[in-house]
Amino acid sequence: MARILIIYSTTDGHTRKIGERLQQVIARAGHEAALISVSDEAQVDLASFDKIVIGASIRYGLYKPAIIDFVVRNKQLLDSKPNAFFSVNIVARKAEKREPDANPYMQKFLRQTSWQPKELAVFAGKLDYPRYRFIDRQLIRLIMLMTKGPTDPKAVIEFTDWQQVEAFGRRVSEVPA
């Protein structure tokens, strides 16, 4: 049984939801999985885990600074263990943008951090116009208009391919002995 840590950064909670699904898949594979927000990372001993998985969401083309800082600060430890990274973004609603090599946000993250995770995944996120503040709703609608996405201000659309998440969870569960 391996101990696997999933650290996430989320804006609206969807990356946490994906982390919870990964946690379930890992547990079904017979491993222990801990899920924590990057804001709580100081409360855990990173070295005590056999594998570390990091997940982060995008808003307006940016990851939260805390997740970038975490990776940069812990790069040496991350490199010493099996590890993985997943990105959650609306651009990935388009199938061709779900591939790590084709997702601009994934590529930007890898350049920014100089980290080369051993496993990568990109998941489409969730669009929830009614939940957003007025200004965010308008800005996201403008972005969606420019990228030929949904603009109905009442729309709530989950683009996440849960089978893709489950498959990534199974890959993450394969921890070298």
N, C-alpha and C. Protein backbone atom coordinates (compact mmCIF):
# COMPACT_ATOMS: atom_id res chain seq x y z
N MET A 1 0.84 -1.19 0.00
CA MET A 1 0.00 0.00 0.00
C MET A 1 0.88 1.25 0.00
N ALA A 2 0.61 2.12 -0.91
CA ALA A 2 1.37 3.37 -1.01
C ALA A 2 0.57 4.52 -0.40
N ARG A 3 1.29 5.53 0.02
CA ARG A 3 0.67 6.76 0.50
C ARG A 3 0.82 7.80 -0.60
N ILE A 4 -0.31 8.30 -1.09
CA ILE A 4 -0.30 9.25 -2.20
C ILE A 4 -0.95 10.55 -1.74
N LEU A 5 -0.26 11.64 -1.97
CA LEU A 5 -0.75 12.97 -1.60
C LEU A 5 -1.24 13.69 -2.85
N ILE A 6 -2.44 14.25 -2.76
CA ILE A 6 -2.97 15.09 -3.83
C ILE A 6 -3.08 16.50 -3.26
N ILE A 7 -2.32 17.40 -3.83
CA ILE A 7 -2.35 18.81 -3.43
C ILE A 7 -3.01 19.57 -4.57
N TYR A 8 -3.98 20.43 -4.22
CA TYR A 8 -4.70 21.13 -5.29
C TYR A 8 -4.81 22.62 -4.99
N SER A 9 -5.01 23.36 -6.08
CA SER A 9 -5.33 24.77 -6.04
C SER A 9 -6.59 24.94 -6.88
N THR A 10 -7.61 25.58 -6.32
CA THR A 10 -8.87 25.71 -7.02
C THR A 10 -9.41 27.12 -6.89
N THR A 11 -10.20 27.53 -7.86
CA THR A 11 -10.84 28.84 -7.81
C THR A 11 -12.29 28.72 -7.38
N ASP A 12 -13.00 27.80 -8.01
CA ASP A 12 -14.44 27.63 -7.72
C ASP A 12 -14.79 26.27 -7.13
N GLY A 13 -13.79 25.45 -6.82
CA GLY A 13 -14.04 24.16 -6.19
C GLY A 13 -14.01 22.96 -7.11
N HIS A 14 -13.93 23.17 -8.42
CA HIS A 14 -14.00 22.03 -9.33
C HIS A 14 -12.70 21.19 -9.31
N THR A 15 -11.58 21.82 -9.14
CA THR A 15 -10.32 21.07 -9.05
C THR A 15 -10.33 20.20 -7.80
N ARG A 16 -10.89 20.70 -6.72
CA ARG A 16 -11.04 19.89 -5.51
C ARG A 16 -11.93 18.67 -5.80
N LYS A 17 -13.03 18.90 -6.55
CA LYS A 17 -13.94 17.79 -6.89
C LYS A 17 -13.20 16.72 -7.71
N ILE A 18 -12.37 17.15 -8.64
CA ILE A 18 -11.57 16.20 -9.42
C ILE A 18 -10.59 15.47 -8.49
N GLY A 19 -9.97 16.20 -7.57
CA GLY A 19 -9.07 15.59 -6.59
C GLY A 19 -9.79 14.54 -5.74
N GLU A 20 -11.03 14.82 -5.37
CA GLU A 20 -11.82 13.86 -4.60
C GLU A 20 -12.07 12.59 -5.40
N ARG A 21 -12.34 12.73 -6.69
CA ARG A 21 -12.55 11.55 -7.53
C ARG A 21 -11.25 10.75 -7.63
N LEU A 22 -10.13 11.43 -7.81
CA LEU A 22 -8.84 10.74 -7.86
C LEU A 22 -8.58 10.01 -6.55
N GLN A 23 -8.92 10.64 -5.46
CA GLN A 23 -8.75 10.03 -4.14
C GLN A 23 -9.55 8.72 -4.05
N GLN A 24 -10.76 8.73 -4.57
CA GLN A 24 -11.60 7.52 -4.56
C GLN A 24 -10.98 6.41 -5.41
N VAL A 25 -10.49 6.77 -6.59
CA VAL A 25 -9.89 5.78 -7.50
C VAL A 25 -8.65 5.17 -6.84
N ILE A 26 -7.84 6.01 -6.23
CA ILE A 26 -6.62 5.55 -5.56
C ILE A 26 -6.97 4.62 -4.40
N ALA A 27 -7.99 4.97 -3.64
CA ALA A 27 -8.42 4.12 -2.51
C ALA A 27 -8.92 2.77 -3.02
N ARG A 28 -9.67 2.77 -4.12
CA ARG A 28 -10.15 1.50 -4.70
C ARG A 28 -8.99 0.60 -5.12
N ALA A 29 -7.87 1.23 -5.48
CA ALA A 29 -6.68 0.47 -5.89
C ALA A 29 -5.89 -0.04 -4.68
N GLY A 30 -6.38 0.27 -3.47
CA GLY A 30 -5.75 -0.25 -2.27
C GLY A 30 -4.70 0.64 -1.64
N HIS A 31 -4.67 1.91 -2.06
CA HIS A 31 -3.68 2.84 -1.51
C HIS A 31 -4.36 3.87 -0.61
N GLU A 32 -3.55 4.51 0.19
CA GLU A 32 -4.03 5.62 1.02
C GLU A 32 -3.83 6.90 0.23
N ALA A 33 -4.86 7.73 0.17
CA ALA A 33 -4.76 9.00 -0.56
C ALA A 33 -5.20 10.14 0.34
N ALA A 34 -4.36 11.13 0.48
CA ALA A 34 -4.69 12.33 1.24
C ALA A 34 -4.90 13.47 0.24
N LEU A 35 -5.90 14.29 0.50
CA LEU A 35 -6.24 15.42 -0.36
C LEU A 35 -6.17 16.69 0.46
N ILE A 36 -5.30 17.62 0.05
CA ILE A 36 -5.20 18.89 0.78
C ILE A 36 -5.07 20.06 -0.19
N SER A 37 -5.55 21.19 0.26
CA SER A 37 -5.38 22.43 -0.49
C SER A 37 -3.94 22.90 -0.36
N VAL A 38 -3.44 23.55 -1.38
CA VAL A 38 -2.08 24.07 -1.32
C VAL A 38 -1.94 25.07 -0.17
N SER A 39 -3.03 25.71 0.23
CA SER A 39 -2.96 26.65 1.35
C SER A 39 -2.73 25.94 2.69
N ASP A 40 -2.94 24.62 2.73
CA ASP A 40 -2.73 23.85 3.96
C ASP A 40 -1.48 22.97 3.89
N GLU A 41 -0.66 23.13 2.86
CA GLU A 41 0.46 22.22 2.66
C GLU A 41 1.48 22.23 3.79
N ALA A 42 1.58 23.30 4.54
CA ALA A 42 2.54 23.35 5.64
C ALA A 42 2.17 22.39 6.76
N GLN A 43 0.93 21.91 6.77
CA GLN A 43 0.46 21.01 7.83
C GLN A 43 0.80 19.55 7.57
N VAL A 44 1.42 19.24 6.44
CA VAL A 44 1.73 17.85 6.15
C VAL A 44 3.22 17.67 5.85
N ASP A 45 3.70 16.48 6.17
CA ASP A 45 5.09 16.13 5.91
C ASP A 45 5.16 15.52 4.52
N LEU A 46 5.55 16.31 3.54
CA LEU A 46 5.58 15.87 2.15
C LEU A 46 6.45 14.64 1.96
N ALA A 47 7.56 14.58 2.69
CA ALA A 47 8.50 13.47 2.53
C ALA A 47 7.91 12.14 2.95
N SER A 48 6.84 12.15 3.73
CA SER A 48 6.25 10.89 4.22
C SER A 48 5.37 10.20 3.17
N PHE A 49 5.17 10.83 2.02
CA PHE A 49 4.33 10.26 0.98
C PHE A 49 5.19 9.58 -0.09
N ASP A 50 4.63 8.52 -0.67
CA ASP A 50 5.33 7.77 -1.70
C ASP A 50 5.20 8.43 -3.07
N LYS A 51 4.12 9.16 -3.27
CA LYS A 51 3.87 9.82 -4.55
C LYS A 51 3.13 11.12 -4.27
N ILE A 52 3.42 12.15 -5.05
CA ILE A 52 2.76 13.43 -4.88
C ILE A 52 2.12 13.84 -6.21
N VAL A 53 0.84 14.14 -6.14
CA VAL A 53 0.06 14.57 -7.30
C VAL A 53 -0.36 16.01 -7.04
N ILE A 54 -0.18 16.87 -8.03
CA ILE A 54 -0.55 18.27 -7.89
C ILE A 54 -1.58 18.60 -8.96
N GLY A 55 -2.64 19.29 -8.55
CA GLY A 55 -3.67 19.72 -9.49
C GLY A 55 -3.93 21.21 -9.33
N ALA A 56 -4.14 21.88 -10.45
CA ALA A 56 -4.34 23.33 -10.39
C ALA A 56 -5.29 23.79 -11.49
N SER A 57 -6.08 24.79 -11.12
CA SER A 57 -7.02 25.37 -12.08
C SER A 57 -6.47 26.66 -12.66
N ILE A 58 -7.10 27.05 -13.76
CA ILE A 58 -6.74 28.28 -14.47
C ILE A 58 -7.89 29.27 -14.36
N ARG A 59 -7.59 30.53 -14.14
CA ARG A 59 -8.58 31.59 -14.26
C ARG A 59 -7.90 32.73 -14.99
N TYR A 60 -8.49 33.17 -16.07
CA TYR A 60 -7.94 34.25 -16.91
C TYR A 60 -6.53 33.93 -17.37
N GLY A 61 -6.29 32.67 -17.67
CA GLY A 61 -5.01 32.26 -18.21
C GLY A 61 -3.90 32.08 -17.20
N LEU A 62 -4.24 32.16 -15.91
CA LEU A 62 -3.20 32.09 -14.88
C LEU A 62 -3.50 31.03 -13.83
N TYR A 63 -2.45 30.38 -13.37
CA TYR A 63 -2.55 29.53 -12.18
C TYR A 63 -2.40 30.45 -10.97
N LYS A 64 -2.92 30.02 -9.84
CA LYS A 64 -2.74 30.81 -8.62
C LYS A 64 -1.25 30.82 -8.25
N PRO A 65 -0.75 31.96 -7.81
CA PRO A 65 0.68 32.04 -7.45
C PRO A 65 1.09 30.99 -6.40
N ALA A 66 0.20 30.63 -5.49
CA ALA A 66 0.55 29.68 -4.42
C ALA A 66 0.98 28.32 -4.96
N ILE A 67 0.36 27.87 -6.06
CA ILE A 67 0.72 26.55 -6.59
C ILE A 67 2.06 26.60 -7.31
N ILE A 68 2.33 27.71 -7.97
CA ILE A 68 3.62 27.86 -8.63
C ILE A 68 4.73 27.96 -7.58
N ASP A 69 4.48 28.74 -6.54
CA ASP A 69 5.45 28.87 -5.45
C ASP A 69 5.70 27.51 -4.79
N PHE A 70 4.64 26.75 -4.56
CA PHE A 70 4.78 25.43 -3.94
C PHE A 70 5.70 24.53 -4.78
N VAL A 71 5.45 24.47 -6.06
CA VAL A 71 6.24 23.60 -6.94
C VAL A 71 7.70 24.06 -6.97
N VAL A 72 7.92 25.34 -7.12
CA VAL A 72 9.29 25.86 -7.19
C VAL A 72 10.03 25.57 -5.87
N ARG A 73 9.37 25.81 -4.74
CA ARG A 73 10.00 25.57 -3.42
C ARG A 73 10.30 24.10 -3.18
N ASN A 74 9.45 23.22 -3.71
CA ASN A 74 9.56 21.79 -3.41
C ASN A 74 10.03 20.96 -4.60
N LYS A 75 10.58 21.61 -5.60
CA LYS A 75 10.96 20.91 -6.83
C LYS A 75 11.92 19.75 -6.55
N GLN A 76 12.90 19.93 -5.71
CA GLN A 76 13.87 18.87 -5.43
C GLN A 76 13.18 17.65 -4.81
N LEU A 77 12.29 17.88 -3.85
CA LEU A 77 11.56 16.77 -3.23
C LEU A 77 10.63 16.11 -4.26
N LEU A 78 9.93 16.92 -5.05
CA LEU A 78 9.04 16.37 -6.07
C LEU A 78 9.81 15.48 -7.05
N ASP A 79 10.98 15.94 -7.45
CA ASP A 79 11.78 15.18 -8.41
C ASP A 79 12.31 13.88 -7.82
N SER A 80 12.38 13.79 -6.49
CA SER A 80 12.93 12.59 -5.85
C SER A 80 11.89 11.48 -5.68
N LYS A 81 10.64 11.75 -6.05
CA LYS A 81 9.55 10.80 -5.85
C LYS A 81 8.75 10.63 -7.13
N PRO A 82 8.00 9.54 -7.23
CA PRO A 82 7.00 9.49 -8.30
C PRO A 82 6.05 10.67 -8.12
N ASN A 83 5.66 11.29 -9.21
CA ASN A 83 4.83 12.49 -9.10
C ASN A 83 3.96 12.64 -10.35
N ALA A 84 3.00 13.54 -10.24
CA ALA A 84 2.11 13.81 -11.37
C ALA A 84 1.55 15.21 -11.22
N PHE A 85 1.10 15.77 -12.35
CA PHE A 85 0.47 17.08 -12.36
C PHE A 85 -0.74 17.03 -13.29
N PHE A 86 -1.84 17.64 -12.83
CA PHE A 86 -2.99 17.81 -13.71
C PHE A 86 -3.46 19.25 -13.67
N SER A 87 -3.88 19.72 -14.84
CA SER A 87 -4.38 21.07 -15.01
C SER A 87 -5.86 21.00 -15.33
N VAL A 88 -6.62 21.94 -14.79
CA VAL A 88 -8.05 22.01 -15.05
C VAL A 88 -8.34 23.37 -15.69
N ASN A 89 -8.87 23.32 -16.92
CA ASN A 89 -9.18 24.57 -17.59
C ASN A 89 -10.27 24.38 -18.63
N ILE A 90 -10.97 25.45 -18.92
CA ILE A 90 -12.09 25.41 -19.86
C ILE A 90 -11.62 25.23 -21.30
N VAL A 91 -10.41 25.65 -21.61
CA VAL A 91 -9.88 25.45 -22.96
C VAL A 91 -9.92 23.97 -23.31
N ALA A 92 -9.74 23.11 -22.31
CA ALA A 92 -9.73 21.66 -22.53
C ALA A 92 -11.11 21.10 -22.86
N ARG A 93 -12.12 21.96 -22.97
CA ARG A 93 -13.42 21.48 -23.45
C ARG A 93 -13.30 21.01 -24.88
N LYS A 94 -12.28 21.51 -25.57
CA LYS A 94 -11.98 21.09 -26.94
C LYS A 94 -11.01 19.91 -26.83
N ALA A 95 -11.40 18.79 -27.41
CA ALA A 95 -10.65 17.53 -27.27
C ALA A 95 -9.16 17.70 -27.55
N GLU A 96 -8.82 18.47 -28.58
CA GLU A 96 -7.41 18.61 -28.94
C GLU A 96 -6.61 19.37 -27.89
N LYS A 97 -7.27 20.11 -27.01
CA LYS A 97 -6.58 20.86 -25.96
C LYS A 97 -6.46 20.08 -24.66
N ARG A 98 -6.94 18.82 -24.65
CA ARG A 98 -6.82 17.96 -23.47
C ARG A 98 -5.49 17.23 -23.42
N GLU A 99 -4.74 17.30 -24.50
CA GLU A 99 -3.43 16.66 -24.53
C GLU A 99 -2.41 17.62 -23.89
N PRO A 100 -1.61 17.13 -22.93
CA PRO A 100 -0.65 18.02 -22.28
C PRO A 100 0.25 18.79 -23.25
N ASP A 101 0.68 18.15 -24.32
CA ASP A 101 1.56 18.82 -25.29
C ASP A 101 0.84 19.92 -26.07
N ALA A 102 -0.49 19.84 -26.15
CA ALA A 102 -1.26 20.81 -26.94
C ALA A 102 -1.98 21.84 -26.08
N ASN A 103 -1.87 21.72 -24.77
CA ASN A 103 -2.57 22.66 -23.90
C ASN A 103 -1.64 23.81 -23.53
N PRO A 104 -1.97 25.03 -23.93
CA PRO A 104 -1.06 26.15 -23.68
C PRO A 104 -0.82 26.42 -22.19
N TYR A 105 -1.81 26.17 -21.36
CA TYR A 105 -1.65 26.43 -19.92
C TYR A 105 -0.72 25.41 -19.28
N MET A 106 -0.82 24.17 -19.70
CA MET A 106 0.09 23.14 -19.19
C MET A 106 1.52 23.49 -19.59
N GLN A 107 1.71 23.85 -20.84
CA GLN A 107 3.06 24.17 -21.31
C GLN A 107 3.63 25.40 -20.59
N LYS A 108 2.78 26.38 -20.35
CA LYS A 108 3.22 27.58 -19.62
C LYS A 108 3.64 27.22 -18.19
N PHE A 109 2.86 26.37 -17.54
CA PHE A 109 3.17 25.94 -16.17
C PHE A 109 4.53 25.23 -16.13
N LEU A 110 4.75 24.32 -17.06
CA LEU A 110 6.00 23.57 -17.08
C LEU A 110 7.19 24.50 -17.30
N ARG A 111 7.03 25.50 -18.15
CA ARG A 111 8.11 26.48 -18.37
C ARG A 111 8.33 27.32 -17.11
N GLN A 112 7.24 27.79 -16.50
CA GLN A 112 7.34 28.66 -15.32
C GLN A 112 8.04 27.98 -14.16
N THR A 113 7.76 26.71 -13.96
CA THR A 113 8.28 26.01 -12.78
C THR A 113 9.55 25.22 -13.05
N SER A 114 9.88 24.98 -14.31
CA SER A 114 11.02 24.12 -14.69
C SER A 114 10.89 22.72 -14.12
N TRP A 115 9.69 22.34 -13.78
CA TRP A 115 9.41 20.99 -13.25
C TRP A 115 8.96 20.11 -14.39
N GLN A 116 9.41 18.88 -14.40
CA GLN A 116 9.01 17.92 -15.42
C GLN A 116 8.32 16.74 -14.72
N PRO A 117 7.02 16.88 -14.44
CA PRO A 117 6.30 15.79 -13.77
C PRO A 117 6.38 14.50 -14.59
N LYS A 118 6.36 13.39 -13.88
CA LYS A 118 6.46 12.09 -14.54
C LYS A 118 5.17 11.71 -15.25
N GLU A 119 4.03 12.21 -14.76
CA GLU A 119 2.73 11.96 -15.40
C GLU A 119 1.99 13.28 -15.50
N LEU A 120 1.30 13.47 -16.62
CA LEU A 120 0.57 14.71 -16.86
C LEU A 120 -0.84 14.41 -17.33
N ALA A 121 -1.77 15.31 -16.99
CA ALA A 121 -3.13 15.22 -17.51
C ALA A 121 -3.73 16.61 -17.56
N VAL A 122 -4.63 16.80 -18.51
CA VAL A 122 -5.38 18.06 -18.62
C VAL A 122 -6.85 17.69 -18.65
N PHE A 123 -7.61 18.29 -17.75
CA PHE A 123 -9.04 18.03 -17.66
C PHE A 123 -9.83 19.30 -17.96
N ALA A 124 -10.91 19.13 -18.66
CA ALA A 124 -11.82 20.25 -18.89
C ALA A 124 -12.52 20.57 -17.58
N GLY A 125 -12.74 21.84 -17.34
CA GLY A 125 -13.35 22.27 -16.09
C GLY A 125 -14.86 22.44 -16.18
N LYS A 126 -15.35 23.32 -15.36
CA LYS A 126 -16.78 23.57 -15.27
C LYS A 126 -17.03 25.06 -15.47
N LEU A 127 -18.06 25.35 -16.22
CA LEU A 127 -18.50 26.72 -16.45
C LEU A 127 -19.77 26.91 -15.62
N ASP A 128 -19.77 27.90 -14.74
CA ASP A 128 -20.92 28.10 -13.83
C ASP A 128 -21.23 29.59 -13.73
N TYR A 129 -21.80 30.13 -14.82
CA TYR A 129 -22.07 31.57 -14.88
C TYR A 129 -22.84 32.10 -13.67
N PRO A 130 -23.93 31.46 -13.23
CA PRO A 130 -24.70 32.03 -12.12
C PRO A 130 -23.88 32.20 -10.83
N ARG A 131 -22.86 31.39 -10.67
CA ARG A 131 -22.05 31.43 -9.44
C ARG A 131 -21.01 32.57 -9.46
N TYR A 132 -20.65 33.03 -10.66
CA TYR A 132 -19.60 34.03 -10.76
C TYR A 132 -20.09 35.41 -10.36
N ARG A 133 -19.17 36.23 -9.88
CA ARG A 133 -19.47 37.63 -9.63
C ARG A 133 -19.78 38.29 -10.98
N PHE A 134 -20.49 39.39 -10.96
CA PHE A 134 -20.93 40.06 -12.19
C PHE A 134 -19.78 40.29 -13.15
N ILE A 135 -18.69 40.87 -12.67
CA ILE A 135 -17.58 41.21 -13.57
C ILE A 135 -16.94 39.95 -14.13
N ASP A 136 -16.79 38.92 -13.30
CA ASP A 136 -16.22 37.66 -13.79
C ASP A 136 -17.14 37.04 -14.85
N ARG A 137 -18.43 37.07 -14.59
CA ARG A 137 -19.39 36.51 -15.55
C ARG A 137 -19.24 37.20 -16.91
N GLN A 138 -19.12 38.52 -16.90
CA GLN A 138 -19.01 39.26 -18.16
C GLN A 138 -17.68 38.97 -18.86
N LEU A 139 -16.61 38.94 -18.10
CA LEU A 139 -15.30 38.67 -18.70
C LEU A 139 -15.22 37.26 -19.27
N ILE A 140 -15.74 36.29 -18.53
CA ILE A 140 -15.71 34.90 -19.00
C ILE A 140 -16.62 34.75 -20.22
N ARG A 141 -17.75 35.42 -20.23
CA ARG A 141 -18.62 35.38 -21.41
C ARG A 141 -17.91 35.94 -22.63
N LEU A 142 -17.15 37.02 -22.45
CA LEU A 142 -16.39 37.61 -23.54
C LEU A 142 -15.35 36.62 -24.06
N ILE A 143 -14.65 35.97 -23.15
CA ILE A 143 -13.65 34.97 -23.55
C ILE A 143 -14.34 33.83 -24.29
N MET A 144 -15.48 33.39 -23.79
CA MET A 144 -16.21 32.30 -24.45
C MET A 144 -16.70 32.73 -25.84
N LEU A 145 -17.13 33.97 -25.97
CA LEU A 145 -17.56 34.48 -27.27
C LEU A 145 -16.40 34.43 -28.26
N MET A 146 -15.23 34.86 -27.81
CA MET A 146 -14.05 34.89 -28.67
C MET A 146 -13.57 33.48 -29.04
N THR A 147 -13.84 32.51 -28.17
CA THR A 147 -13.37 31.13 -28.42
C THR A 147 -14.50 30.20 -28.85
N LYS A 148 -15.63 30.81 -29.22
CA LYS A 148 -16.80 30.05 -29.70
C LYS A 148 -17.33 29.07 -28.66
N GLY A 149 -17.37 29.52 -27.42
CA GLY A 149 -17.91 28.71 -26.33
C GLY A 149 -19.28 29.21 -25.91
N PRO A 150 -19.90 28.58 -24.93
CA PRO A 150 -21.23 28.98 -24.47
C PRO A 150 -21.21 30.33 -23.76
N THR A 151 -22.20 31.17 -24.05
CA THR A 151 -22.25 32.51 -23.47
C THR A 151 -23.53 32.80 -22.70
N ASP A 152 -24.46 31.85 -22.64
CA ASP A 152 -25.71 32.05 -21.91
C ASP A 152 -25.38 32.30 -20.43
N PRO A 153 -25.73 33.49 -19.89
CA PRO A 153 -25.36 33.82 -18.51
C PRO A 153 -26.01 32.93 -17.46
N LYS A 154 -26.93 32.08 -17.86
CA LYS A 154 -27.57 31.15 -16.91
C LYS A 154 -26.97 29.74 -17.02
N ALA A 155 -26.04 29.55 -17.94
CA ALA A 155 -25.49 28.22 -18.21
C ALA A 155 -24.60 27.72 -17.07
N VAL A 156 -24.79 26.44 -16.77
CA VAL A 156 -23.90 25.70 -15.88
C VAL A 156 -23.55 24.44 -16.65
N ILE A 157 -22.29 24.34 -17.07
CA ILE A 157 -21.88 23.22 -17.91
C ILE A 157 -20.60 22.61 -17.34
N GLU A 158 -20.68 21.33 -17.05
CA GLU A 158 -19.50 20.60 -16.60
C GLU A 158 -18.91 19.90 -17.82
N PHE A 159 -17.75 20.31 -18.24
CA PHE A 159 -17.09 19.75 -19.41
C PHE A 159 -16.20 18.56 -19.07
N THR A 160 -16.00 18.29 -17.80
CA THR A 160 -15.07 17.27 -17.35
C THR A 160 -15.43 15.89 -17.90
N ASP A 161 -14.45 15.22 -18.46
CA ASP A 161 -14.59 13.84 -18.90
C ASP A 161 -14.17 12.96 -17.70
N TRP A 162 -15.16 12.47 -16.98
CA TRP A 162 -14.88 11.73 -15.74
C TRP A 162 -14.19 10.39 -16.02
N GLN A 163 -14.39 9.83 -17.19
CA GLN A 163 -13.66 8.61 -17.55
C GLN A 163 -12.17 8.91 -17.70
N GLN A 164 -11.86 10.08 -18.24
CA GLN A 164 -10.47 10.50 -18.34
C GLN A 164 -9.86 10.69 -16.95
N VAL A 165 -10.63 11.27 -16.04
CA VAL A 165 -10.16 11.46 -14.66
C VAL A 165 -9.91 10.10 -14.01
N GLU A 166 -10.84 9.17 -14.18
CA GLU A 166 -10.69 7.82 -13.61
C GLU A 166 -9.45 7.12 -14.18
N ALA A 167 -9.23 7.24 -15.48
CA ALA A 167 -8.06 6.61 -16.10
C ALA A 167 -6.76 7.20 -15.53
N PHE A 168 -6.74 8.51 -15.34
CA PHE A 168 -5.56 9.15 -14.74
C PHE A 168 -5.38 8.64 -13.31
N GLY A 169 -6.47 8.52 -12.58
CA GLY A 169 -6.41 7.99 -11.21
C GLY A 169 -5.82 6.59 -11.17
N ARG A 170 -6.18 5.75 -12.13
CA ARG A 170 -5.61 4.40 -12.20
C ARG A 170 -4.12 4.46 -12.50
N ARG A 171 -3.72 5.37 -13.41
CA ARG A 171 -2.28 5.51 -13.70
C ARG A 171 -1.53 6.00 -12.47
N VAL A 172 -2.11 6.95 -11.76
CA VAL A 172 -1.48 7.48 -10.54
C VAL A 172 -1.34 6.39 -9.48
N SER A 173 -2.28 5.45 -9.48
CA SER A 173 -2.27 4.36 -8.50
C SER A 173 -1.16 3.35 -8.75
N GLU A 174 -0.57 3.38 -9.92
CA GLU A 174 0.52 2.46 -10.24
C GLU A 174 1.82 3.04 -9.70
N VAL A 175 2.09 2.75 -8.44
CA VAL A 175 3.27 3.29 -7.79
C VAL A 175 4.38 2.24 -7.85
N PRO A 176 5.57 2.61 -8.34
CA PRO A 176 6.67 1.65 -8.39
C PRO A 176 7.01 1.13 -6.99
N ALA A 177 7.37 -0.13 -6.91
CA ALA A 177 7.72 -0.74 -5.60
C ALA A 177 9.06 -0.24 -5.11
